Amino acid sequence: MPGLGRLHASSGSFDPGGEKRDAVMTDLGVAGYTEEPVAPTVQFKIPNIAGTDLNQLRNLTNVNVNIQDDNGQSWLVRNAWTSQPPKLSGGEIDMQMTGISADPVS
């Protein structure tokens, strides 16, 4: 991440976003579905070590976040921002970021 470099993130989750589809029901049963866009979201923890700037983390906007999952696949979340204020607890900082799009990187 700009100004921070690679973060040593531990446990977290990644939602690549896409379309949320809900069934449209009628008196005859399912008539189809509606779609609602869902933004990609990344949640992770980083250690609160010397040099970590909590203020900088809470003000991140328009950054590209590269994520590598447990299987080695990489994703790029584009134009991401800190979507929830970071929470400091037990020597770790909980982060949540949301972006415009998420694409696999080959």
PDB file of N, CA and C in Angstrom:
ATOM      1  N   MET A   1       0.845  -1.177   0.000  1.00  0.00           N
ATOM      2  CA  MET A   1       0.000   0.000   0.000  1.00  0.00           C
ATOM      3  C   MET A   1       0.889   1.239   0.000  1.00  0.00           C
ATOM      4  N   PRO A   2       0.465   2.273  -0.688  1.00  0.00           N
ATOM      5  CA  PRO A   2       1.280   3.490  -0.785  1.00  0.00           C
ATOM      6  C   PRO A   2       1.650   4.045   0.586  1.00  0.00           C
ATOM      7  N   GLY A   3       2.914   4.337   0.775  1.00  0.00           N
ATOM      8  CA  GLY A   3       3.400   4.883   2.025  1.00  0.00           C
ATOM      9  C   GLY A   3       3.568   3.867   3.129  1.00  0.00           C
ATOM     10  N   LEU A   4       3.059   2.663   2.934  1.00  0.00           N
ATOM     11  CA  LEU A   4       3.128   1.628   3.951  1.00  0.00           C
ATOM     12  C   LEU A   4       3.895   0.401   3.474  1.00  0.00           C
ATOM     13  N   GLY A   5       3.912   0.185   2.169  1.00  0.00           N
ATOM     14  CA  GLY A   5       4.534  -1.015   1.628  1.00  0.00           C
ATOM     15  C   GLY A   5       3.679  -2.233   1.887  1.00  0.00           C
ATOM     16  N   ARG A   6       4.324  -3.364   1.931  1.00  0.00           N
ATOM     17  CA  ARG A   6       3.607  -4.615   2.179  1.00  0.00           C
ATOM     18  C   ARG A   6       3.266  -4.720   3.655  1.00  0.00           C
ATOM     19  N   LEU A   7       2.017  -5.014   3.935  1.00  0.00           N
ATOM     20  CA  LEU A   7       1.577  -5.177   5.314  1.00  0.00           C
ATOM     21  C   LEU A   7       1.624  -6.648   5.691  1.00  0.00           C
ATOM     22  N   HIS A   8       2.082  -6.914   6.884  1.00  0.00           N
ATOM     23  CA  HIS A   8       2.114  -8.288   7.381  1.00  0.00           C
ATOM     24  C   HIS A   8       0.755  -8.612   7.983  1.00  0.00           C
ATOM     25  N   ALA A   9      -0.178  -8.933   7.122  1.00  0.00           N
ATOM     26  CA  ALA A   9      -1.544  -9.206   7.566  1.00  0.00           C
ATOM     27  C   ALA A   9      -1.669 -10.645   8.041  1.00  0.00           C
ATOM     28  N   SER A  10      -2.462 -10.813   9.085  1.00  0.00           N
ATOM     29  CA  SER A  10      -2.774 -12.169   9.544  1.00  0.00           C
ATOM     30  C   SER A  10      -4.213 -12.470   9.169  1.00  0.00           C
ATOM     31  N   SER A  11      -4.927 -13.124  10.025  1.00  0.00           N
ATOM     32  CA  SER A  11      -6.265 -13.598   9.682  1.00  0.00           C
ATOM     33  C   SER A  11      -7.125 -12.499   9.082  1.00  0.00           C
ATOM     34  N   GLY A  12      -8.013 -12.920   8.202  1.00  0.00           N
ATOM     35  CA  GLY A  12      -8.896 -11.956   7.573  1.00  0.00           C
ATOM     36  C   GLY A  12      -9.864 -12.632   6.635  1.00  0.00           C
ATOM     37  N   SER A  13     -10.564 -11.812   5.867  1.00  0.00           N
ATOM     38  CA  SER A  13     -11.507 -12.335   4.893  1.00  0.00           C
ATOM     39  C   SER A  13     -11.520 -11.442   3.663  1.00  0.00           C
ATOM     40  N   PHE A  14     -11.956 -12.007   2.562  1.00  0.00           N
ATOM     41  CA  PHE A  14     -12.007 -11.287   1.295  1.00  0.00           C
ATOM     42  C   PHE A  14     -13.296 -11.648   0.586  1.00  0.00           C
ATOM     43  N   ASP A  15     -14.063 -10.639   0.224  1.00  0.00           N
ATOM     44  CA  ASP A  15     -15.278 -10.809  -0.571  1.00  0.00           C
ATOM     45  C   ASP A  15     -15.020 -10.098  -1.887  1.00  0.00           C
ATOM     46  N   PRO A  16     -14.907 -10.835  -3.010  1.00  0.00           N
ATOM     47  CA  PRO A  16     -14.575 -10.197  -4.277  1.00  0.00           C
ATOM     48  C   PRO A  16     -15.697  -9.342  -4.858  1.00  0.00           C
ATOM     49  N   GLY A  17     -16.853  -9.331  -4.204  1.00  0.00           N
ATOM     50  CA  GLY A  17     -17.967  -8.545  -4.718  1.00  0.00           C
ATOM     51  C   GLY A  17     -18.582  -9.198  -5.937  1.00  0.00           C
ATOM     52  N   GLY A  18     -19.450  -8.500  -6.585  1.00  0.00           N
ATOM     53  CA  GLY A  18     -20.151  -9.035  -7.751  1.00  0.00           C
ATOM     54  C   GLY A  18     -21.614  -8.657  -7.678  1.00  0.00           C
ATOM     55  N   GLU A  19     -22.450  -9.619  -7.937  1.00  0.00           N
ATOM     56  CA  GLU A  19     -23.896  -9.385  -7.931  1.00  0.00           C
ATOM     57  C   GLU A  19     -24.563 -10.228  -6.853  1.00  0.00           C
ATOM     58  N   LYS A  20     -25.379  -9.588  -6.024  1.00  0.00           N
ATOM     59  CA  LYS A  20     -26.220 -10.295  -5.059  1.00  0.00           C
ATOM     60  C   LYS A  20     -27.545 -10.547  -5.765  1.00  0.00           C
ATOM     61  N   ARG A  21     -27.976 -11.773  -5.792  1.00  0.00           N
ATOM     62  CA  ARG A  21     -29.209 -12.126  -6.496  1.00  0.00           C
ATOM     63  C   ARG A  21     -30.246 -12.638  -5.505  1.00  0.00           C
ATOM     64  N   ASP A  22     -31.414 -12.024  -5.562  1.00  0.00           N
ATOM     65  CA  ASP A  22     -32.527 -12.419  -4.701  1.00  0.00           C
ATOM     66  C   ASP A  22     -33.674 -12.923  -5.564  1.00  0.00           C
ATOM     67  N   ALA A  23     -34.298 -13.982  -5.095  1.00  0.00           N
ATOM     68  CA  ALA A  23     -35.430 -14.561  -5.823  1.00  0.00           C
ATOM     69  C   ALA A  23     -36.614 -13.603  -5.814  1.00  0.00           C
ATOM     70  N   VAL A  24     -37.308 -13.546  -6.937  1.00  0.00           N
ATOM     71  CA  VAL A  24     -38.572 -12.808  -7.037  1.00  0.00           C
ATOM     72  C   VAL A  24     -39.673 -13.857  -6.962  1.00  0.00           C
ATOM     73  N   MET A  25     -40.492 -13.746  -5.932  1.00  0.00           N
ATOM     74  CA  MET A  25     -41.527 -14.752  -5.694  1.00  0.00           C
ATOM     75  C   MET A  25     -42.904 -14.220  -6.112  1.00  0.00           C
ATOM     76  N   THR A  26     -43.699 -15.098  -6.687  1.00  0.00           N
ATOM     77  CA  THR A  26     -45.104 -14.797  -7.003  1.00  0.00           C
ATOM     78  C   THR A  26     -45.951 -15.908  -6.396  1.00  0.00           C
ATOM     79  N   ASP A  27     -47.239 -15.833  -6.588  1.00  0.00           N
ATOM     80  CA  ASP A  27     -48.108 -16.883  -6.051  1.00  0.00           C
ATOM     81  C   ASP A  27     -47.901 -18.216  -6.774  1.00  0.00           C
ATOM     82  N   LEU A  28     -47.239 -18.204  -7.929  1.00  0.00           N
ATOM     83  CA  LEU A  28     -46.947 -19.440  -8.667  1.00  0.00           C
ATOM     84  C   LEU A  28     -45.542 -19.984  -8.386  1.00  0.00           C
ATOM     85  N   GLY A  29     -44.766 -19.261  -7.566  1.00  0.00           N
ATOM     86  CA  GLY A  29     -43.407 -19.713  -7.251  1.00  0.00           C
ATOM     87  C   GLY A  29     -42.373 -18.684  -7.685  1.00  0.00           C
ATOM     88  N   VAL A  30     -41.197 -19.174  -7.955  1.00  0.00           N
ATOM     89  CA  VAL A  30     -40.092 -18.292  -8.331  1.00  0.00           C
ATOM     90  C   VAL A  30     -40.285 -17.795  -9.755  1.00  0.00           C
ATOM     91  N   ALA A  31     -40.242 -16.463  -9.927  1.00  0.00           N
ATOM     92  CA  ALA A  31     -40.446 -15.864 -11.249  1.00  0.00           C
ATOM     93  C   ALA A  31     -39.136 -15.348 -11.844  1.00  0.00           C
ATOM     94  N   GLY A  32     -38.072 -15.482 -11.107  1.00  0.00           N
ATOM     95  CA  GLY A  32     -36.777 -14.979 -11.574  1.00  0.00           C
ATOM     96  C   GLY A  32     -36.009 -14.399 -10.409  1.00  0.00           C
ATOM     97  N   TYR A  33     -35.175 -13.396 -10.693  1.00  0.00           N
ATOM     98  CA  TYR A  33     -34.369 -12.799  -9.631  1.00  0.00           C
ATOM     99  C   TYR A  33     -34.079 -11.338  -9.952  1.00  0.00           C
ATOM    100  N   THR A  34     -33.703 -10.618  -8.892  1.00  0.00           N
ATOM    101  CA  THR A  34     -33.221  -9.250  -9.034  1.00  0.00           C
ATOM    102  C   THR A  34     -31.734  -9.243  -8.692  1.00  0.00           C
ATOM    103  N   GLU A  35     -31.026  -8.281  -9.226  1.00  0.00           N
ATOM    104  CA  GLU A  35     -29.595  -8.168  -8.947  1.00  0.00           C
ATOM    105  C   GLU A  35     -29.290  -6.837  -8.275  1.00  0.00           C
ATOM    106  N   GLU A  36     -28.342  -6.899  -7.357  1.00  0.00           N
ATOM    107  CA  GLU A  36     -27.874  -5.708  -6.672  1.00  0.00           C
ATOM    108  C   GLU A  36     -26.347  -5.803  -6.614  1.00  0.00           C
ATOM    109  N   PRO A  37     -25.631  -4.778  -7.069  1.00  0.00           N
ATOM    110  CA  PRO A  37     -24.174  -4.847  -7.034  1.00  0.00           C
ATOM    111  C   PRO A  37     -23.655  -4.837  -5.595  1.00  0.00           C
ATOM    112  N   VAL A  38     -22.579  -5.593  -5.376  1.00  0.00           N
ATOM    113  CA  VAL A  38     -21.915  -5.666  -4.077  1.00  0.00           C
ATOM    114  C   VAL A  38     -20.445  -5.309  -4.291  1.00  0.00           C
ATOM    115  N   ALA A  39     -19.966  -4.366  -3.516  1.00  0.00           N
ATOM    116  CA  ALA A  39     -18.570  -3.928  -3.633  1.00  0.00           C
ATOM    117  C   ALA A  39     -17.636  -4.957  -2.996  1.00  0.00           C
ATOM    118  N   PRO A  40     -16.419  -5.103  -3.532  1.00  0.00           N
ATOM    119  CA  PRO A  40     -15.446  -5.990  -2.910  1.00  0.00           C
ATOM    120  C   PRO A  40     -14.995  -5.429  -1.559  1.00  0.00           C
ATOM    121  N   THR A  41     -14.801  -6.328  -0.609  1.00  0.00           N
ATOM    122  CA  THR A  41     -14.414  -5.931   0.745  1.00  0.00           C
ATOM    123  C   THR A  41     -13.284  -6.819   1.244  1.00  0.00           C
ATOM    124  N   VAL A  42     -12.344  -6.206   1.938  1.00  0.00           N
ATOM    125  CA  VAL A  42     -11.214  -6.917   2.535  1.00  0.00           C
ATOM    126  C   VAL A  42     -11.191  -6.594   4.022  1.00  0.00           C
ATOM    127  N   GLN A  43     -11.111  -7.621   4.853  1.00  0.00           N
ATOM    128  CA  GLN A  43     -10.939  -7.437   6.288  1.00  0.00           C
ATOM    129  C   GLN A  43      -9.690  -8.194   6.695  1.00  0.00           C
ATOM    130  N   PHE A  44      -8.843  -7.552   7.492  1.00  0.00           N
ATOM    131  CA  PHE A  44      -7.602  -8.198   7.910  1.00  0.00           C
ATOM    132  C   PHE A  44      -7.083  -7.571   9.187  1.00  0.00           C
ATOM    133  N   LYS A  45      -6.125  -8.236   9.796  1.00  0.00           N
ATOM    134  CA  LYS A  45      -5.465  -7.740  11.004  1.00  0.00           C
ATOM    135  C   LYS A  45      -3.994  -7.539  10.690  1.00  0.00           C
ATOM    136  N   ILE A  46      -3.438  -6.468  11.239  1.00  0.00           N
ATOM    137  CA  ILE A  46      -2.002  -6.245  11.123  1.00  0.00           C
ATOM    138  C   ILE A  46      -1.456  -5.985  12.519  1.00  0.00           C
ATOM    139  N   PRO A  47      -0.203  -6.377  12.776  1.00  0.00           N
ATOM    140  CA  PRO A  47       0.363  -6.122  14.102  1.00  0.00           C
ATOM    141  C   PRO A  47       0.631  -4.631  14.300  1.00  0.00           C
ATOM    142  N   ASN A  48       0.407  -4.172  15.500  1.00  0.00           N
ATOM    143  CA  ASN A  48       0.678  -2.781  15.846  1.00  0.00           C
ATOM    144  C   ASN A  48       2.136  -2.681  16.279  1.00  0.00           C
ATOM    145  N   ILE A  49       3.010  -2.581  15.290  1.00  0.00           N
ATOM    146  CA  ILE A  49       4.450  -2.525  15.558  1.00  0.00           C
ATOM    147  C   ILE A  49       4.944  -1.086  15.410  1.00  0.00           C
ATOM    148  N   ALA A  50       6.166  -0.847  15.838  1.00  0.00           N
ATOM    149  CA  ALA A  50       6.758   0.489  15.747  1.00  0.00           C
ATOM    150  C   ALA A  50       6.665   0.998  14.313  1.00  0.00           C
ATOM    151  N   GLY A  51       6.274   2.240  14.180  1.00  0.00           N
ATOM    152  CA  GLY A  51       6.171   2.849  12.860  1.00  0.00           C
ATOM    153  C   GLY A  51       4.795   2.730  12.224  1.00  0.00           C
ATOM    154  N   THR A  52       3.892   1.948  12.823  1.00  0.00           N
ATOM    155  CA  THR A  52       2.542   1.833  12.278  1.00  0.00           C
ATOM    156  C   THR A  52       1.785   3.114  12.612  1.00  0.00           C
ATOM    157  N   ASP A  53       1.250   3.760  11.605  1.00  0.00           N
ATOM    158  CA  ASP A  53       0.562   5.030  11.773  1.00  0.00           C
ATOM    159  C   ASP A  53      -0.943   4.812  11.653  1.00  0.00           C
ATOM    160  N   LEU A  54      -1.613   4.745  12.795  1.00  0.00           N
ATOM    161  CA  LEU A  54      -3.056   4.489  12.823  1.00  0.00           C
ATOM    162  C   LEU A  54      -3.823   5.580  12.079  1.00  0.00           C
ATOM    163  N   ASN A  55      -3.368   6.819  12.179  1.00  0.00           N
ATOM    164  CA  ASN A  55      -4.023   7.914  11.474  1.00  0.00           C
ATOM    165  C   ASN A  55      -3.928   7.725   9.964  1.00  0.00           C
ATOM    166  N   GLN A  56      -2.764   7.303   9.488  1.00  0.00           N
ATOM    167  CA  GLN A  56      -2.599   7.058   8.054  1.00  0.00           C
ATOM    168  C   GLN A  56      -3.503   5.919   7.596  1.00  0.00           C
ATOM    169  N   LEU A  57      -3.620   4.873   8.405  1.00  0.00           N
ATOM    170  CA  LEU A  57      -4.472   3.734   8.050  1.00  0.00           C
ATOM    171  C   LEU A  57      -5.938   4.137   7.949  1.00  0.00           C
ATOM    172  N   ARG A  58      -6.408   4.972   8.846  1.00  0.00           N
ATOM    173  CA  ARG A  58      -7.823   5.338   8.820  1.00  0.00           C
ATOM    174  C   ARG A  58      -8.163   6.285   7.682  1.00  0.00           C
ATOM    175  N   ASN A  59      -7.144   6.956   7.122  1.00  0.00           N
ATOM    176  CA  ASN A  59      -7.381   7.928   6.056  1.00  0.00           C
ATOM    177  C   ASN A  59      -7.025   7.416   4.665  1.00  0.00           C
ATOM    178  N   LEU A  60      -6.782   6.120   4.515  1.00  0.00           N
ATOM    179  CA  LEU A  60      -6.444   5.582   3.199  1.00  0.00           C
ATOM    180  C   LEU A  60      -7.616   5.719   2.232  1.00  0.00           C
ATOM    181  N   THR A  61      -7.331   6.252   1.058  1.00  0.00           N
ATOM    182  CA  THR A  61      -8.321   6.326  -0.020  1.00  0.00           C
ATOM    183  C   THR A  61      -7.596   6.118  -1.336  1.00  0.00           C
ATOM    184  N   ASN A  62      -8.330   5.632  -2.324  1.00  0.00           N
ATOM    185  CA  ASN A  62      -7.821   5.500  -3.689  1.00  0.00           C
ATOM    186  C   ASN A  62      -6.507   4.712  -3.769  1.00  0.00           C
ATOM    187  N   VAL A  63      -6.449   3.588  -3.051  1.00  0.00           N
ATOM    188  CA  VAL A  63      -5.267   2.726  -3.095  1.00  0.00           C
ATOM    189  C   VAL A  63      -5.625   1.386  -3.734  1.00  0.00           C
ATOM    190  N   ASN A  64      -4.663   0.763  -4.353  1.00  0.00           N
ATOM    191  CA  ASN A  64      -4.839  -0.575  -4.902  1.00  0.00           C
ATOM    192  C   ASN A  64      -4.281  -1.570  -3.888  1.00  0.00           C
ATOM    193  N   VAL A  65      -5.091  -2.555  -3.550  1.00  0.00           N
ATOM    194  CA  VAL A  65      -4.711  -3.551  -2.546  1.00  0.00           C
ATOM    195  C   VAL A  65      -4.557  -4.897  -3.233  1.00  0.00           C
ATOM    196  N   ASN A  66      -3.370  -5.476  -3.115  1.00  0.00           N
ATOM    197  CA  ASN A  66      -3.099  -6.796  -3.673  1.00  0.00           C
ATOM    198  C   ASN A  66      -3.289  -7.817  -2.565  1.00  0.00           C
ATOM    199  N   ILE A  67      -4.078  -8.832  -2.846  1.00  0.00           N
ATOM    200  CA  ILE A  67      -4.394  -9.870  -1.866  1.00  0.00           C
ATOM    201  C   ILE A  67      -3.933 -11.199  -2.411  1.00  0.00           C
ATOM    202  N   GLN A  68      -3.296 -11.989  -1.566  1.00  0.00           N
ATOM    203  CA  GLN A  68      -2.930 -13.348  -1.956  1.00  0.00           C
ATOM    204  C   GLN A  68      -3.619 -14.297  -0.986  1.00  0.00           C
ATOM    205  N   ASP A  69      -4.411 -15.230  -1.537  1.00  0.00           N
ATOM    206  CA  ASP A  69      -5.144 -16.142  -0.670  1.00  0.00           C
ATOM    207  C   ASP A  69      -4.273 -17.333  -0.269  1.00  0.00           C
ATOM    208  N   ASP A  70      -4.846 -18.228   0.519  1.00  0.00           N
ATOM    209  CA  ASP A  70      -4.103 -19.388   1.034  1.00  0.00           C
ATOM    210  C   ASP A  70      -3.621 -20.314  -0.064  1.00  0.00           C
ATOM    211  N   ASN A  71      -4.278 -20.278  -1.225  1.00  0.00           N
ATOM    212  CA  ASN A  71      -3.895 -21.136  -2.345  1.00  0.00           C
ATOM    213  C   ASN A  71      -2.898 -20.478  -3.288  1.00  0.00           C
ATOM    214  N   GLY A  72      -2.476 -19.252  -2.960  1.00  0.00           N
ATOM    215  CA  GLY A  72      -1.500 -18.561  -3.792  1.00  0.00           C
ATOM    216  C   GLY A  72      -2.104 -17.718  -4.898  1.00  0.00           C
ATOM    217  N   GLN A  73      -3.436 -17.686  -5.040  1.00  0.00           N
ATOM    218  CA  GLN A  73      -4.058 -16.859  -6.061  1.00  0.00           C
ATOM    219  C   GLN A  73      -4.063 -15.407  -5.596  1.00  0.00           C
ATOM    220  N   SER A  74      -3.748 -14.505  -6.500  1.00  0.00           N
ATOM    221  CA  SER A  74      -3.707 -13.079  -6.182  1.00  0.00           C
ATOM    222  C   SER A  74      -4.902 -12.352  -6.791  1.00  0.00           C
ATOM    223  N   TRP A  75      -5.364 -11.349  -6.084  1.00  0.00           N
ATOM    224  CA  TRP A  75      -6.446 -10.469  -6.525  1.00  0.00           C
ATOM    225  C   TRP A  75      -5.991  -9.034  -6.327  1.00  0.00           C
ATOM    226  N   LEU A  76      -6.497  -8.146  -7.153  1.00  0.00           N
ATOM    227  CA  LEU A  76      -6.223  -6.727  -7.010  1.00  0.00           C
ATOM    228  C   LEU A  76      -7.545  -6.004  -6.791  1.00  0.00           C
ATOM    229  N   VAL A  77      -7.671  -5.365  -5.626  1.00  0.00           N
ATOM    230  CA  VAL A  77      -8.837  -4.538  -5.325  1.00  0.00           C
ATOM    231  C   VAL A  77      -8.445  -3.115  -5.684  1.00  0.00           C
ATOM    232  N   ARG A  78      -9.149  -2.553  -6.645  1.00  0.00           N
ATOM    233  CA  ARG A  78      -8.790  -1.235  -7.185  1.00  0.00           C
ATOM    234  C   ARG A  78      -9.524  -0.094  -6.483  1.00  0.00           C
ATOM    235  N   ASN A  79      -8.796   1.021  -6.365  1.00  0.00           N
ATOM    236  CA  ASN A  79      -9.350   2.262  -5.805  1.00  0.00           C
ATOM    237  C   ASN A  79     -10.035   2.038  -4.458  1.00  0.00           C
ATOM    238  N   ALA A  80      -9.357   1.326  -3.569  1.00  0.00           N
ATOM    239  CA  ALA A  80      -9.924   0.974  -2.267  1.00  0.00           C
ATOM    240  C   ALA A  80      -9.772   2.117  -1.262  1.00  0.00           C
ATOM    241  N   TRP A  81     -10.620   2.067  -0.242  1.00  0.00           N
ATOM    242  CA  TRP A  81     -10.581   3.036   0.840  1.00  0.00           C
ATOM    243  C   TRP A  81     -10.857   2.319   2.149  1.00  0.00           C
ATOM    244  N   THR A  82     -10.406   2.917   3.263  1.00  0.00           N
ATOM    245  CA  THR A  82     -10.717   2.377   4.578  1.00  0.00           C
ATOM    246  C   THR A  82     -12.191   2.643   4.840  1.00  0.00           C
ATOM    247  N   SER A  83     -12.983   1.581   4.948  1.00  0.00           N
ATOM    248  CA  SER A  83     -14.432   1.729   5.049  1.00  0.00           C
ATOM    249  C   SER A  83     -14.950   1.724   6.483  1.00  0.00           C
ATOM    250  N   GLN A  84     -14.147   1.264   7.415  1.00  0.00           N
ATOM    251  CA  GLN A  84     -14.468   1.326   8.844  1.00  0.00           C
ATOM    252  C   GLN A  84     -13.226   1.838   9.557  1.00  0.00           C
ATOM    253  N   PRO A  85     -13.372   2.677  10.577  1.00  0.00           N
ATOM    254  CA  PRO A  85     -12.179   3.110  11.307  1.00  0.00           C
ATOM    255  C   PRO A  85     -11.431   1.895  11.854  1.00  0.00           C
ATOM    256  N   PRO A  86     -10.094   1.903  11.768  1.00  0.00           N
ATOM    257  CA  PRO A  86      -9.322   0.783  12.304  1.00  0.00           C
ATOM    258  C   PRO A  86      -9.549   0.646  13.811  1.00  0.00           C
ATOM    259  N   LYS A  87      -9.530  -0.595  14.288  1.00  0.00           N
ATOM    260  CA  LYS A  87      -9.709  -0.852  15.717  1.00  0.00           C
ATOM    261  C   LYS A  87      -8.451  -1.500  16.265  1.00  0.00           C
ATOM    262  N   LEU A  88      -7.909  -0.925  17.312  1.00  0.00           N
ATOM    263  CA  LEU A  88      -6.706  -1.439  17.952  1.00  0.00           C
ATOM    264  C   LEU A  88      -7.115  -2.255  19.165  1.00  0.00           C
ATOM    265  N   SER A  89      -6.681  -3.522  19.185  1.00  0.00           N
ATOM    266  CA  SER A  89      -7.028  -4.403  20.290  1.00  0.00           C
ATOM    267  C   SER A  89      -6.006  -5.528  20.389  1.00  0.00           C
ATOM    268  N   GLY A  90      -5.487  -5.747  21.578  1.00  0.00           N
ATOM    269  CA  GLY A  90      -4.575  -6.865  21.804  1.00  0.00           C
ATOM    270  C   GLY A  90      -3.338  -6.837  20.933  1.00  0.00           C
ATOM    271  N   GLY A  91      -2.818  -5.660  20.631  1.00  0.00           N
ATOM    272  CA  GLY A  91      -1.604  -5.550  19.829  1.00  0.00           C
ATOM    273  C   GLY A  91      -1.818  -5.706  18.333  1.00  0.00           C
ATOM    274  N   GLU A  92      -3.083  -5.764  17.908  1.00  0.00           N
ATOM    275  CA  GLU A  92      -3.398  -5.883  16.483  1.00  0.00           C
ATOM    276  C   GLU A  92      -4.367  -4.785  16.073  1.00  0.00           C
ATOM    277  N   ILE A  93      -4.294  -4.441  14.790  1.00  0.00           N
ATOM    278  CA  ILE A  93      -5.195  -3.449  14.225  1.00  0.00           C
ATOM    279  C   ILE A  93      -6.129  -4.164  13.255  1.00  0.00           C
ATOM    280  N   ASP A  94      -7.426  -4.062  13.512  1.00  0.00           N
ATOM    281  CA  ASP A  94      -8.440  -4.626  12.615  1.00  0.00           C
ATOM    282  C   ASP A  94      -8.740  -3.592  11.540  1.00  0.00           C
ATOM    283  N   MET A  95      -8.603  -3.996  10.283  1.00  0.00           N
ATOM    284  CA  MET A  95      -8.837  -3.114   9.144  1.00  0.00           C
ATOM    285  C   MET A  95      -9.966  -3.654   8.283  1.00  0.00           C
ATOM    286  N   GLN A  96     -10.751  -2.737   7.714  1.00  0.00           N
ATOM    287  CA  GLN A  96     -11.734  -3.094   6.698  1.00  0.00           C
ATOM    288  C   GLN A  96     -11.617  -2.088   5.572  1.00  0.00           C
ATOM    289  N   MET A  97     -11.465  -2.615   4.353  1.00  0.00           N
ATOM    290  CA  MET A  97     -11.348  -1.770   3.173  1.00  0.00           C
ATOM    291  C   MET A  97     -12.344  -2.232   2.123  1.00  0.00           C
ATOM    292  N   THR A  98     -12.860  -1.273   1.371  1.00  0.00           N
ATOM    293  CA  THR A  98     -13.799  -1.542   0.292  1.00  0.00           C
ATOM    294  C   THR A  98     -13.244  -0.897  -0.958  1.00  0.00           C
ATOM    295  N   GLY A  99     -13.494  -1.516  -2.122  1.00  0.00           N
ATOM    296  CA  GLY A  99     -12.969  -0.977  -3.359  1.00  0.00           C
ATOM    297  C   GLY A  99     -14.013  -0.916  -4.463  1.00  0.00           C
ATOM    298  N   ILE A 100     -13.572  -0.407  -5.599  1.00  0.00           N
ATOM    299  CA  ILE A 100     -14.437  -0.263  -6.757  1.00  0.00           C
ATOM    300  C   ILE A 100     -14.627  -1.603  -7.469  1.00  0.00           C
ATOM    301  N   SER A 101     -13.525  -2.356  -7.623  1.00  0.00           N
ATOM    302  CA  SER A 101     -13.596  -3.653  -8.300  1.00  0.00           C
ATOM    303  C   SER A 101     -12.498  -4.563  -7.767  1.00  0.00           C
ATOM    304  N   ALA A 102     -12.669  -5.860  -7.990  1.00  0.00           N
ATOM    305  CA  ALA A 102     -11.653  -6.842  -7.624  1.00  0.00           C
ATOM    306  C   ALA A 102     -11.477  -7.780  -8.816  1.00  0.00           C
ATOM    307  N   ASP A 103     -10.228  -7.951  -9.207  1.00  0.00           N
ATOM    308  CA  ASP A 103      -9.930  -8.802 -10.360  1.00  0.00           C
ATOM    309  C   ASP A 103      -8.801  -9.762 -10.039  1.00  0.00           C
ATOM    310  N   PRO A 104      -8.896 -11.009 -10.516  1.00  0.00           N
ATOM    311  CA  PRO A 104      -7.787 -11.938 -10.327  1.00  0.00           C
ATOM    312  C   PRO A 104      -6.564 -11.453 -11.096  1.00  0.00           C
ATOM    313  N   VAL A 105      -5.403 -11.685 -10.530  1.00  0.00           N
ATOM    314  CA  VAL A 105      -4.146 -11.315 -11.170  1.00  0.00           C
ATOM    315  C   VAL A 105      -3.476 -12.604 -11.613  1.00  0.00           C
ATOM    316  N   SER A 106      -3.079 -12.665 -12.895  1.00  0.00           N
ATOM    317  CA  SER A 106      -2.452 -13.904 -13.353  1.00  0.00           C
ATOM    318  C   SER A 106      -0.955 -13.803 -13.369  1.00  0.00           C
TER     319      SER A 106
END
